[in-house]
């Protein structure tokens, strides 16, 4: 799904300038994201889409769950962007 998220932006057809679309990060912390005593380090992916008014792209921030991989988070981001396209 990460490749599909990439395609969402690369097929927009803008013709001038440089745009920053996506920031991705992997966060980690001891018992940080599950809300319970896991006695372990936990990790989650975070994908942020930067608002671009010229291209009508909304700001989107999705924080993955403890066991979600990058593709699952990318899928949720893409759904939000496509829902915005319809609206």
Protein backbone atom coordinates (compact mmCIF):
# COMPACT_ATOMS: atom_id res chain seq x y z
CA UNK A 1 0.00 0.00 0.00
CA UNK A 2 2.92 2.36 0.47
CA UNK A 3 3.51 2.24 -3.28
CA UNK A 4 -0.15 3.15 -3.84
CA UNK A 5 0.24 6.15 -1.56
CA UNK A 6 3.27 7.20 -3.60
CA UNK A 7 1.27 6.87 -6.83
CA UNK A 8 -1.46 9.07 -5.40
CA UNK A 9 1.00 11.97 -5.42
CA UNK A 10 3.10 11.13 -8.49
CA UNK A 11 0.06 11.03 -10.77
CA UNK A 12 -1.29 14.45 -9.76
CA UNK A 13 0.24 16.20 -12.76
CA UNK A 14 1.69 19.35 -11.19
CA UNK A 15 4.03 21.20 -13.50
CA UNK A 16 6.10 23.65 -11.50
CA UNK A 17 7.84 23.88 -8.15
CA UNK A 18 8.91 21.46 -5.49
CA UNK A 19 6.40 20.05 -3.02
CA UNK A 20 6.81 18.09 0.20
CA UNK A 21 3.99 15.59 0.52
CA UNK A 22 4.82 12.93 3.11
CA UNK A 23 6.72 12.64 6.37
CA UNK A 24 7.03 9.15 7.86
CA UNK A 25 8.54 8.21 11.18
CA UNK A 26 8.90 5.18 13.36
CA UNK A 27 8.28 5.96 17.02
CA UNK A 28 9.34 3.72 19.86
CA UNK A 29 8.88 3.75 23.59
CA UNK A 30 8.78 1.44 26.58
CA UNK A 31 5.12 0.47 27.11
CA UNK A 32 4.28 3.60 25.14
CA UNK A 33 1.37 2.79 22.81
CA UNK A 34 -0.67 -0.19 24.01
CA UNK A 35 -2.05 1.42 27.14
CA UNK A 36 -1.09 -1.56 29.27
CA UNK A 37 1.96 -3.05 30.93
CA UNK A 38 3.60 -4.93 28.09
CA UNK A 39 7.04 -5.00 29.72
CA UNK A 40 8.58 -4.32 26.34
CA UNK A 41 9.50 -1.64 23.84
CA UNK A 42 6.65 -0.82 21.51
CA UNK A 43 6.82 0.74 18.07
CA UNK A 44 4.38 2.45 15.73
CA UNK A 45 4.50 4.08 12.31
CA UNK A 46 3.31 7.66 11.87
CA UNK A 47 2.52 9.14 8.45
CA UNK A 48 1.87 12.85 8.04
CA UNK A 49 0.57 14.38 4.83
CA UNK A 50 1.41 18.05 4.50
CA UNK A 51 -1.35 20.42 3.43
CA UNK A 52 -0.94 21.82 -0.07
CA UNK A 53 -3.59 24.37 -0.94
CA UNK A 54 -2.49 24.70 -4.59
CA UNK A 55 -3.02 20.98 -5.17
CA UNK A 56 -6.00 20.77 -2.78
CA UNK A 57 -4.33 18.25 -0.47
CA UNK A 58 -5.51 18.35 3.16
CA UNK A 59 -3.28 17.85 6.16
CA UNK A 60 -3.58 14.26 7.38
CA UNK A 61 -1.91 12.64 10.39
CA UNK A 62 -2.25 8.91 11.03
CA UNK A 63 -0.59 7.13 13.92
CA UNK A 64 -0.45 3.40 13.52
CA UNK A 65 -1.29 0.89 16.18
CA UNK A 66 1.28 -1.12 18.07
CA UNK A 67 1.21 -4.04 15.62
CA UNK A 68 0.34 -2.19 12.38
CA UNK A 69 2.96 -2.28 9.66
CA UNK A 70 3.79 0.62 7.36
CA UNK A 71 1.50 -0.64 4.60
CA UNK A 72 -1.51 -0.80 6.91
CA UNK A 73 -0.93 2.78 8.02
CA UNK A 74 -0.42 3.90 4.40
CA UNK A 75 -3.73 2.26 3.49
CA UNK A 76 -5.56 4.29 6.13
CA UNK A 77 -3.90 7.51 4.92
CA UNK A 78 -4.86 6.78 1.32
CA UNK A 79 -8.49 6.16 2.35
CA UNK A 80 -8.61 9.56 4.05
CA UNK A 81 -7.12 11.31 1.04
CA UNK A 82 -9.54 9.62 -1.37
CA UNK A 83 -12.50 10.47 0.87
CA UNK A 84 -11.40 14.09 0.68
CA UNK A 85 -11.27 13.86 -3.14
CA UNK A 86 -14.95 12.89 -3.22
CA UNK A 87 -15.99 15.67 -0.86
